[in-house]
Amino acid sequence: MGIEEHLGHNVLTTTLEKLVDWGRKNSLWPATFGLACCAIEMICTAANRWDIARFGMEAFRASPRQADVIIIAGTVVKKMMPAIQRVYDQMSEPKWVIAMGACATSGGIFDSYAVVQGIDKYLPVDVYVPGCPPRPEGLLYGILKLHEQILKDPFLSRKYKESLQARREVAA
């Protein structure tokens, strides 16, 4: 009589890394940075029709210290960059960035000196959501892609430790 026969199907076994990654994936708290028309679509994603809460993201955080993913939605102007950088720097590790919309990813139709031509020049973007403005389904798909990235990169892996060290060096 082994332990498997005694316990039956009441025990779930896994590794610590998989358990922690599952928890991180299902409890992302976004810090919103809605700057233009994309912010309306991001807000709609939290409404009852698309229901971002089913992905564990029901609480949009106003404080960067409570958030672990920042959604940059809309046209980023150079005057706003210090504020965005400050919010990103105040977020705790691990942290992720979603660039939502054509303006956040590449400057969109605004090819001017005042508009940042891609947020990736200032922040390490993990997921790009295309469109002008992108639909809420696009943001949900981007969140699912972020979930896949989180599950592929365990929190104790060498790659994660190297990326954390690189972010600390850039911040210093």
N, C-alpha and C. Protein backbone atom coordinates (compact mmCIF):
# COMPACT_ATOMS: atom_id res chain seq x y z
N MET A 1 0.84 -1.18 0.00
CA MET A 1 0.00 0.00 0.00
C MET A 1 0.90 1.25 0.00
N GLY A 2 0.91 1.96 -1.12
CA GLY A 2 1.74 3.14 -1.25
C GLY A 2 0.98 4.39 -0.87
N ILE A 3 1.71 5.50 -0.83
CA ILE A 3 1.09 6.78 -0.46
C ILE A 3 0.09 7.24 -1.52
N GLU A 4 0.34 6.86 -2.79
CA GLU A 4 -0.58 7.25 -3.86
C GLU A 4 -1.96 6.63 -3.65
N GLU A 5 -1.99 5.36 -3.20
CA GLU A 5 -3.27 4.69 -2.96
C GLU A 5 -3.98 5.31 -1.78
N HIS A 6 -3.23 5.73 -0.78
CA HIS A 6 -3.84 6.30 0.42
C HIS A 6 -4.42 7.69 0.15
N LEU A 7 -3.67 8.54 -0.58
CA LEU A 7 -4.11 9.91 -0.84
C LEU A 7 -5.04 10.01 -2.04
N GLY A 8 -4.93 9.12 -2.98
CA GLY A 8 -5.79 9.15 -4.15
C GLY A 8 -5.45 10.34 -5.04
N HIS A 9 -6.48 11.02 -5.52
CA HIS A 9 -6.31 12.16 -6.42
C HIS A 9 -6.46 13.48 -5.67
N ASN A 10 -6.13 13.51 -4.41
CA ASN A 10 -6.29 14.71 -3.59
C ASN A 10 -5.02 15.54 -3.47
N VAL A 11 -3.94 15.12 -4.10
CA VAL A 11 -2.67 15.84 -3.98
C VAL A 11 -2.23 16.29 -5.37
N LEU A 12 -1.80 17.52 -5.45
CA LEU A 12 -1.28 18.07 -6.69
C LEU A 12 0.21 18.32 -6.49
N THR A 13 1.03 17.80 -7.38
CA THR A 13 2.47 18.01 -7.26
C THR A 13 2.94 18.89 -8.42
N THR A 14 3.87 19.79 -8.10
CA THR A 14 4.45 20.67 -9.10
C THR A 14 5.77 21.20 -8.55
N THR A 15 6.46 22.00 -9.35
CA THR A 15 7.68 22.62 -8.85
C THR A 15 7.35 24.00 -8.28
N LEU A 16 8.23 24.51 -7.47
CA LEU A 16 8.03 25.83 -6.87
C LEU A 16 7.99 26.91 -7.94
N GLU A 17 8.86 26.80 -8.94
CA GLU A 17 8.89 27.81 -10.00
C GLU A 17 7.57 27.86 -10.77
N LYS A 18 7.02 26.70 -11.09
CA LYS A 18 5.74 26.69 -11.82
C LYS A 18 4.62 27.27 -10.97
N LEU A 19 4.63 26.99 -9.69
CA LEU A 19 3.60 27.52 -8.80
C LEU A 19 3.71 29.03 -8.67
N VAL A 20 4.92 29.54 -8.53
CA VAL A 20 5.11 30.99 -8.41
C VAL A 20 4.78 31.68 -9.73
N ASP A 21 5.18 31.11 -10.85
CA ASP A 21 4.85 31.70 -12.15
C ASP A 21 3.34 31.70 -12.39
N TRP A 22 2.66 30.64 -11.98
CA TRP A 22 1.19 30.61 -12.11
C TRP A 22 0.57 31.72 -11.27
N GLY A 23 1.08 31.92 -10.06
CA GLY A 23 0.57 32.98 -9.21
C GLY A 23 0.84 34.36 -9.78
N ARG A 24 2.04 34.57 -10.32
CA ARG A 24 2.37 35.87 -10.94
C ARG A 24 1.50 36.13 -12.15
N LYS A 25 1.28 35.10 -12.94
CA LYS A 25 0.49 35.25 -14.16
C LYS A 25 -0.97 35.62 -13.84
N ASN A 26 -1.50 35.03 -12.80
CA ASN A 26 -2.92 35.22 -12.50
C ASN A 26 -3.20 36.34 -11.52
N SER A 27 -2.21 37.12 -11.17
CA SER A 27 -2.46 38.22 -10.24
C SER A 27 -1.73 39.49 -10.67
N LEU A 28 -1.74 39.78 -11.95
CA LEU A 28 -1.12 41.01 -12.44
C LEU A 28 -2.00 42.20 -12.06
N TRP A 29 -1.39 43.24 -11.54
CA TRP A 29 -2.10 44.45 -11.22
C TRP A 29 -1.56 45.56 -12.11
N PRO A 30 -2.39 46.07 -13.01
CA PRO A 30 -1.89 47.07 -13.95
C PRO A 30 -1.90 48.49 -13.38
N ALA A 31 -0.87 49.23 -13.72
CA ALA A 31 -0.83 50.67 -13.51
C ALA A 31 -1.20 51.29 -14.85
N THR A 32 -2.22 52.06 -14.86
CA THR A 32 -2.68 52.61 -16.13
C THR A 32 -2.00 53.94 -16.39
N PHE A 33 -1.68 54.15 -17.64
CA PHE A 33 -1.17 55.44 -18.07
C PHE A 33 -1.88 55.77 -19.37
N GLY A 34 -3.14 56.15 -19.26
CA GLY A 34 -3.95 56.49 -20.42
C GLY A 34 -3.72 57.92 -20.84
N LEU A 35 -3.21 58.10 -22.05
CA LEU A 35 -2.83 59.43 -22.50
C LEU A 35 -3.70 59.97 -23.62
N ALA A 36 -4.45 59.13 -24.31
CA ALA A 36 -5.24 59.59 -25.45
C ALA A 36 -6.40 58.64 -25.69
N CYS A 37 -6.83 58.54 -26.93
CA CYS A 37 -8.01 57.76 -27.27
C CYS A 37 -7.87 56.28 -26.94
N CYS A 38 -6.66 55.75 -26.89
CA CYS A 38 -6.47 54.34 -26.52
C CYS A 38 -6.89 54.08 -25.09
N ALA A 39 -6.86 55.11 -24.25
CA ALA A 39 -7.25 54.94 -22.85
C ALA A 39 -8.73 54.57 -22.75
N ILE A 40 -9.55 55.08 -23.65
CA ILE A 40 -10.98 54.74 -23.64
C ILE A 40 -11.17 53.25 -23.90
N GLU A 41 -10.41 52.73 -24.85
CA GLU A 41 -10.50 51.29 -25.15
C GLU A 41 -9.95 50.47 -23.99
N MET A 42 -8.93 50.96 -23.31
CA MET A 42 -8.39 50.26 -22.15
C MET A 42 -9.42 50.23 -21.03
N ILE A 43 -10.13 51.32 -20.82
CA ILE A 43 -11.17 51.38 -19.80
C ILE A 43 -12.31 50.43 -20.15
N CYS A 44 -12.66 50.36 -21.43
CA CYS A 44 -13.71 49.43 -21.87
C CYS A 44 -13.33 47.99 -21.59
N THR A 45 -12.05 47.68 -21.62
CA THR A 45 -11.60 46.32 -21.36
C THR A 45 -11.92 45.91 -19.93
N ALA A 46 -11.97 46.86 -19.02
CA ALA A 46 -12.29 46.55 -17.63
C ALA A 46 -13.79 46.48 -17.39
N ALA A 47 -14.60 46.87 -18.36
CA ALA A 47 -16.06 46.83 -18.20
C ALA A 47 -16.57 45.40 -18.30
N ASN A 48 -17.86 45.24 -18.08
CA ASN A 48 -18.42 43.89 -17.98
C ASN A 48 -18.46 43.14 -19.30
N ARG A 49 -18.41 43.78 -20.44
CA ARG A 49 -18.48 43.04 -21.70
C ARG A 49 -17.22 42.24 -21.98
N TRP A 50 -16.05 42.84 -21.73
CA TRP A 50 -14.79 42.13 -21.98
C TRP A 50 -14.18 41.57 -20.69
N ASP A 51 -14.43 42.21 -19.56
CA ASP A 51 -14.13 41.68 -18.24
C ASP A 51 -12.69 41.22 -18.08
N ILE A 52 -11.81 42.18 -17.89
CA ILE A 52 -10.40 41.88 -17.67
C ILE A 52 -10.17 41.17 -16.34
N ALA A 53 -11.18 41.18 -15.47
CA ALA A 53 -11.06 40.54 -14.15
C ALA A 53 -10.88 39.03 -14.25
N ARG A 54 -11.32 38.42 -15.32
CA ARG A 54 -11.15 36.97 -15.43
C ARG A 54 -9.70 36.57 -15.62
N PHE A 55 -8.83 37.55 -15.89
CA PHE A 55 -7.40 37.31 -16.01
C PHE A 55 -6.65 37.76 -14.75
N GLY A 56 -7.38 38.06 -13.69
CA GLY A 56 -6.77 38.48 -12.44
C GLY A 56 -6.32 39.92 -12.43
N MET A 57 -6.88 40.75 -13.30
CA MET A 57 -6.44 42.15 -13.40
C MET A 57 -7.59 43.11 -13.13
N GLU A 58 -8.48 42.77 -12.21
CA GLU A 58 -9.67 43.59 -12.02
C GLU A 58 -9.39 44.93 -11.36
N ALA A 59 -8.28 45.07 -10.69
CA ALA A 59 -8.00 46.29 -9.95
C ALA A 59 -6.91 47.10 -10.66
N PHE A 60 -7.31 48.15 -11.35
CA PHE A 60 -6.32 49.07 -11.91
C PHE A 60 -5.76 49.90 -10.76
N ARG A 61 -4.46 49.97 -10.67
CA ARG A 61 -3.81 50.63 -9.55
C ARG A 61 -3.38 52.04 -9.92
N ALA A 62 -3.63 52.96 -9.00
CA ALA A 62 -3.17 54.33 -9.19
C ALA A 62 -1.77 54.51 -8.63
N SER A 63 -1.36 53.63 -7.75
CA SER A 63 -0.03 53.71 -7.16
C SER A 63 0.91 52.73 -7.86
N PRO A 64 2.06 53.19 -8.31
CA PRO A 64 2.99 52.27 -8.98
C PRO A 64 3.58 51.23 -8.03
N ARG A 65 3.55 51.49 -6.75
CA ARG A 65 4.11 50.53 -5.79
C ARG A 65 3.22 49.31 -5.62
N GLN A 66 1.99 49.38 -6.10
CA GLN A 66 1.08 48.25 -6.03
C GLN A 66 0.93 47.55 -7.36
N ALA A 67 1.58 48.03 -8.39
CA ALA A 67 1.39 47.50 -9.74
C ALA A 67 2.62 46.74 -10.20
N ASP A 68 2.39 45.79 -11.12
CA ASP A 68 3.53 45.09 -11.71
C ASP A 68 3.51 45.07 -13.23
N VAL A 69 2.49 45.64 -13.84
CA VAL A 69 2.48 45.83 -15.29
C VAL A 69 1.93 47.23 -15.56
N ILE A 70 2.59 47.95 -16.45
CA ILE A 70 2.11 49.28 -16.82
C ILE A 70 1.64 49.22 -18.26
N ILE A 71 0.44 49.75 -18.49
CA ILE A 71 -0.14 49.79 -19.83
C ILE A 71 -0.04 51.23 -20.32
N ILE A 72 0.83 51.46 -21.28
CA ILE A 72 0.98 52.79 -21.88
C ILE A 72 0.00 52.86 -23.04
N ALA A 73 -1.06 53.64 -22.88
CA ALA A 73 -2.12 53.70 -23.88
C ALA A 73 -2.23 55.12 -24.42
N GLY A 74 -1.81 55.32 -25.65
CA GLY A 74 -2.00 56.61 -26.29
C GLY A 74 -0.71 57.29 -26.71
N THR A 75 -0.86 58.54 -27.11
CA THR A 75 0.25 59.33 -27.63
C THR A 75 1.13 59.80 -26.47
N VAL A 76 2.38 59.44 -26.53
CA VAL A 76 3.34 59.83 -25.49
C VAL A 76 4.12 61.03 -26.00
N VAL A 77 4.00 62.15 -25.30
CA VAL A 77 4.78 63.34 -25.66
C VAL A 77 5.99 63.41 -24.75
N LYS A 78 7.02 64.11 -25.22
CA LYS A 78 8.27 64.16 -24.47
C LYS A 78 8.11 64.84 -23.11
N LYS A 79 7.12 65.71 -22.99
CA LYS A 79 6.87 66.37 -21.72
C LYS A 79 6.36 65.39 -20.66
N MET A 80 5.69 64.31 -21.08
CA MET A 80 5.17 63.30 -20.16
C MET A 80 6.18 62.22 -19.84
N MET A 81 7.25 62.11 -20.59
CA MET A 81 8.21 61.02 -20.40
C MET A 81 8.81 60.97 -19.00
N PRO A 82 9.19 62.08 -18.38
CA PRO A 82 9.72 61.97 -17.02
C PRO A 82 8.72 61.38 -16.03
N ALA A 83 7.44 61.71 -16.18
CA ALA A 83 6.41 61.15 -15.28
C ALA A 83 6.24 59.66 -15.52
N ILE A 84 6.23 59.24 -16.78
CA ILE A 84 6.10 57.81 -17.10
C ILE A 84 7.31 57.06 -16.57
N GLN A 85 8.50 57.63 -16.76
CA GLN A 85 9.73 57.00 -16.28
C GLN A 85 9.71 56.86 -14.76
N ARG A 86 9.20 57.88 -14.07
CA ARG A 86 9.15 57.84 -12.61
C ARG A 86 8.19 56.75 -12.14
N VAL A 87 7.03 56.65 -12.78
CA VAL A 87 6.07 55.60 -12.42
C VAL A 87 6.68 54.23 -12.66
N TYR A 88 7.34 54.06 -13.79
CA TYR A 88 7.97 52.76 -14.10
C TYR A 88 9.07 52.43 -13.08
N ASP A 89 9.88 53.40 -12.72
CA ASP A 89 10.97 53.15 -11.78
C ASP A 89 10.45 52.82 -10.38
N GLN A 90 9.28 53.32 -10.01
CA GLN A 90 8.72 53.07 -8.69
C GLN A 90 8.01 51.71 -8.59
N MET A 91 7.77 51.07 -9.72
CA MET A 91 7.14 49.76 -9.69
C MET A 91 8.13 48.72 -9.17
N SER A 92 7.60 47.75 -8.44
CA SER A 92 8.49 46.72 -7.89
C SER A 92 8.77 45.65 -8.93
N GLU A 93 9.89 44.96 -8.77
CA GLU A 93 10.27 43.87 -9.67
C GLU A 93 9.50 42.62 -9.31
N PRO A 94 9.17 41.77 -10.20
CA PRO A 94 9.28 41.90 -11.65
C PRO A 94 8.19 42.81 -12.19
N LYS A 95 8.51 43.52 -13.26
CA LYS A 95 7.55 44.44 -13.85
C LYS A 95 7.56 44.29 -15.35
N TRP A 96 6.41 44.57 -15.95
CA TRP A 96 6.25 44.41 -17.38
C TRP A 96 5.61 45.66 -17.97
N VAL A 97 5.79 45.85 -19.28
CA VAL A 97 5.25 47.01 -19.99
C VAL A 97 4.45 46.53 -21.19
N ILE A 98 3.24 47.07 -21.34
CA ILE A 98 2.42 46.84 -22.53
C ILE A 98 2.25 48.18 -23.22
N ALA A 99 2.67 48.26 -24.49
CA ALA A 99 2.49 49.46 -25.30
C ALA A 99 1.22 49.26 -26.12
N MET A 100 0.23 50.08 -25.87
CA MET A 100 -1.08 49.91 -26.49
C MET A 100 -1.34 51.02 -27.50
N GLY A 101 -1.51 50.62 -28.75
CA GLY A 101 -1.85 51.57 -29.80
C GLY A 101 -0.66 51.97 -30.65
N ALA A 102 -0.99 52.50 -31.83
CA ALA A 102 0.06 52.89 -32.78
C ALA A 102 0.89 54.05 -32.25
N CYS A 103 0.28 54.95 -31.51
CA CYS A 103 1.02 56.10 -31.00
C CYS A 103 2.04 55.71 -29.95
N ALA A 104 1.69 54.79 -29.07
CA ALA A 104 2.63 54.37 -28.03
C ALA A 104 3.74 53.51 -28.61
N THR A 105 3.43 52.72 -29.63
CA THR A 105 4.44 51.82 -30.18
C THR A 105 5.38 52.50 -31.15
N SER A 106 4.86 53.47 -31.95
CA SER A 106 5.73 54.06 -32.98
C SER A 106 5.51 55.55 -33.21
N GLY A 107 4.73 56.20 -32.38
CA GLY A 107 4.45 57.62 -32.61
C GLY A 107 3.21 57.84 -33.45
N GLY A 108 2.71 56.80 -34.09
CA GLY A 108 1.49 56.90 -34.88
C GLY A 108 1.60 57.87 -36.03
N ILE A 109 0.56 58.65 -36.20
CA ILE A 109 0.52 59.62 -37.30
C ILE A 109 1.22 60.92 -36.94
N PHE A 110 1.67 61.03 -35.69
CA PHE A 110 2.27 62.26 -35.21
C PHE A 110 3.78 62.20 -35.34
N ASP A 111 4.28 62.62 -36.49
CA ASP A 111 5.72 62.64 -36.73
C ASP A 111 6.22 64.05 -36.43
N SER A 112 6.31 64.35 -35.14
CA SER A 112 6.74 65.69 -34.75
C SER A 112 7.81 65.60 -33.67
N TYR A 113 8.42 66.73 -33.39
CA TYR A 113 9.50 66.77 -32.41
C TYR A 113 8.98 66.53 -30.99
N ALA A 114 7.70 66.79 -30.73
CA ALA A 114 7.16 66.70 -29.38
C ALA A 114 6.68 65.30 -29.02
N VAL A 115 6.46 64.44 -30.01
CA VAL A 115 5.91 63.11 -29.76
C VAL A 115 7.03 62.07 -29.77
N VAL A 116 7.01 61.22 -28.76
CA VAL A 116 7.99 60.13 -28.67
C VAL A 116 7.67 59.12 -29.77
N GLN A 117 8.65 58.80 -30.57
CA GLN A 117 8.46 57.87 -31.69
C GLN A 117 8.70 56.43 -31.24
N GLY A 118 7.92 56.01 -30.27
CA GLY A 118 8.02 54.65 -29.74
C GLY A 118 8.47 54.67 -28.29
N ILE A 119 7.64 54.14 -27.42
CA ILE A 119 7.96 54.12 -25.99
C ILE A 119 9.13 53.19 -25.69
N ASP A 120 9.44 52.29 -26.63
CA ASP A 120 10.53 51.34 -26.41
C ASP A 120 11.90 52.01 -26.41
N LYS A 121 11.98 53.28 -26.76
CA LYS A 121 13.24 54.00 -26.66
C LYS A 121 13.55 54.39 -25.22
N TYR A 122 12.53 54.33 -24.37
CA TYR A 122 12.69 54.73 -22.97
C TYR A 122 12.41 53.59 -21.98
N LEU A 123 11.50 52.69 -22.32
CA LEU A 123 11.14 51.58 -21.44
C LEU A 123 11.27 50.26 -22.19
N PRO A 124 11.63 49.18 -21.50
CA PRO A 124 11.68 47.87 -22.16
C PRO A 124 10.27 47.30 -22.32
N VAL A 125 9.74 47.34 -23.52
CA VAL A 125 8.36 46.90 -23.78
C VAL A 125 8.34 45.38 -23.95
N ASP A 126 7.39 44.74 -23.29
CA ASP A 126 7.23 43.29 -23.37
C ASP A 126 6.21 42.89 -24.42
N VAL A 127 5.11 43.65 -24.55
CA VAL A 127 4.04 43.31 -25.49
C VAL A 127 3.59 44.58 -26.20
N TYR A 128 3.47 44.48 -27.52
CA TYR A 128 2.93 45.57 -28.33
C TYR A 128 1.52 45.20 -28.76
N VAL A 129 0.57 46.12 -28.57
CA VAL A 129 -0.81 45.91 -29.03
C VAL A 129 -1.05 46.89 -30.16
N PRO A 130 -1.16 46.40 -31.41
CA PRO A 130 -1.29 47.30 -32.55
C PRO A 130 -2.71 47.83 -32.70
N GLY A 131 -2.84 48.88 -33.49
CA GLY A 131 -4.16 49.43 -33.81
C GLY A 131 -4.24 50.90 -33.50
N CYS A 132 -5.25 51.54 -34.10
CA CYS A 132 -5.46 52.96 -33.88
C CYS A 132 -6.95 53.25 -33.86
N PRO A 133 -7.57 53.27 -32.74
CA PRO A 133 -7.15 52.69 -31.47
C PRO A 133 -7.38 51.18 -31.49
N PRO A 134 -6.61 50.45 -30.71
CA PRO A 134 -6.81 49.01 -30.67
C PRO A 134 -8.11 48.66 -29.95
N ARG A 135 -8.71 47.59 -30.38
CA ARG A 135 -9.96 47.14 -29.75
C ARG A 135 -9.65 46.49 -28.40
N PRO A 136 -10.63 46.43 -27.51
CA PRO A 136 -10.41 45.74 -26.24
C PRO A 136 -9.96 44.29 -26.41
N GLU A 137 -10.43 43.64 -27.48
CA GLU A 137 -9.99 42.27 -27.74
C GLU A 137 -8.48 42.22 -28.00
N GLY A 138 -7.96 43.26 -28.63
CA GLY A 138 -6.52 43.33 -28.87
C GLY A 138 -5.74 43.42 -27.58
N LEU A 139 -6.23 44.22 -26.64
CA LEU A 139 -5.55 44.32 -25.35
C LEU A 139 -5.63 42.99 -24.60
N LEU A 140 -6.78 42.33 -24.65
CA LEU A 140 -6.90 41.02 -24.00
C LEU A 140 -5.93 40.01 -24.61
N TYR A 141 -5.78 40.05 -25.93
CA TYR A 141 -4.83 39.16 -26.59
C TYR A 141 -3.39 39.49 -26.16
N GLY A 142 -3.09 40.78 -26.03
CA GLY A 142 -1.78 41.18 -25.55
C GLY A 142 -1.52 40.71 -24.12
N ILE A 143 -2.55 40.74 -23.29
CA ILE A 143 -2.41 40.24 -21.92
C ILE A 143 -2.16 38.74 -21.92
N LEU A 144 -2.84 38.01 -22.80
CA LEU A 144 -2.59 36.57 -22.90
C LEU A 144 -1.17 36.29 -23.37
N LYS A 145 -0.66 37.11 -24.28
CA LYS A 145 0.74 36.95 -24.72
C LYS A 145 1.71 37.25 -23.58
N LEU A 146 1.38 38.23 -22.75
CA LEU A 146 2.20 38.52 -21.58
C LEU A 146 2.18 37.34 -20.60
N HIS A 147 1.01 36.71 -20.44
CA HIS A 147 0.92 35.52 -19.60
C HIS A 147 1.85 34.42 -20.11
N GLU A 148 1.89 34.23 -21.42
CA GLU A 148 2.78 33.22 -22.00
C GLU A 148 4.25 33.55 -21.70
N GLN A 149 4.61 34.83 -21.80
CA GLN A 149 5.99 35.23 -21.51
C GLN A 149 6.35 34.97 -20.05
N ILE A 150 5.41 35.24 -19.16
CA ILE A 150 5.67 35.04 -17.74
C ILE A 150 5.88 33.56 -17.45
N LEU A 151 5.08 32.70 -18.07
CA LEU A 151 5.21 31.27 -17.83
C LEU A 151 6.49 30.69 -18.43
N LYS A 152 6.98 31.30 -19.52
CA LYS A 152 8.20 30.79 -20.16
C LYS A 152 9.47 31.20 -19.42
N ASP A 153 9.40 32.25 -18.63
CA ASP A 153 10.58 32.77 -17.95
C ASP A 153 10.42 32.60 -16.44
N PRO A 154 10.86 31.47 -15.90
CA PRO A 154 10.71 31.24 -14.46
C PRO A 154 11.43 32.30 -13.64
N PHE A 155 10.91 32.55 -12.46
CA PHE A 155 11.45 33.63 -11.64
C PHE A 155 12.84 33.35 -11.10
N LEU A 156 13.26 32.11 -11.07
CA LEU A 156 14.59 31.78 -10.59
C LEU A 156 15.59 31.53 -11.72
N SER A 157 15.17 31.73 -12.96
CA SER A 157 16.04 31.40 -14.08
C SER A 157 17.18 32.41 -14.22
N ARG A 158 18.22 31.98 -14.89
CA ARG A 158 19.39 32.84 -15.13
C ARG A 158 18.98 34.03 -16.01
N LYS A 159 18.09 33.80 -16.97
CA LYS A 159 17.65 34.88 -17.85
C LYS A 159 16.96 35.99 -17.06
N TYR A 160 16.11 35.61 -16.11
CA TYR A 160 15.43 36.61 -15.30
C TYR A 160 16.42 37.38 -14.44
N LYS A 161 17.36 36.67 -13.82
CA LYS A 161 18.35 37.35 -12.99
C LYS A 161 19.20 38.30 -13.81
N GLU A 162 19.55 37.91 -15.04
CA GLU A 162 20.33 38.80 -15.91
C GLU A 162 19.53 40.02 -16.33
N SER A 163 18.24 39.84 -16.64
CA SER A 163 17.43 40.99 -17.03
C SER A 163 17.23 41.93 -15.85
N LEU A 164 17.09 41.38 -14.64
CA LEU A 164 16.96 42.21 -13.45
C LEU A 164 18.25 43.01 -13.22
N GLN A 165 19.40 42.38 -13.38
CA GLN A 165 20.67 43.06 -13.22
C GLN A 165 20.85 44.15 -14.27
N ALA A 166 20.44 43.87 -15.51
CA ALA A 166 20.55 44.86 -16.58
C ALA A 166 19.66 46.07 -16.30
N ARG A 167 18.43 45.83 -15.78
CA ARG A 167 17.53 46.94 -15.45
C ARG A 167 18.12 47.78 -14.31
N ARG A 168 18.73 47.12 -13.35
CA ARG A 168 19.34 47.87 -12.23
C ARG A 168 20.50 48.71 -12.72
N GLU A 169 21.31 48.18 -13.65
CA GLU A 169 22.43 48.95 -14.19
C GLU A 169 21.96 50.15 -14.99
N VAL A 170 20.87 49.97 -15.75
CA VAL A 170 20.33 51.08 -16.53
C VAL A 170 19.78 52.15 -15.60
N ALA A 171 19.15 51.74 -14.52
CA ALA A 171 18.57 52.69 -13.57
C ALA A 171 19.64 53.45 -12.81
N ALA A 172 20.80 52.84 -12.62
CA ALA A 172 21.87 53.49 -11.84
C ALA A 172 22.63 54.53 -12.62
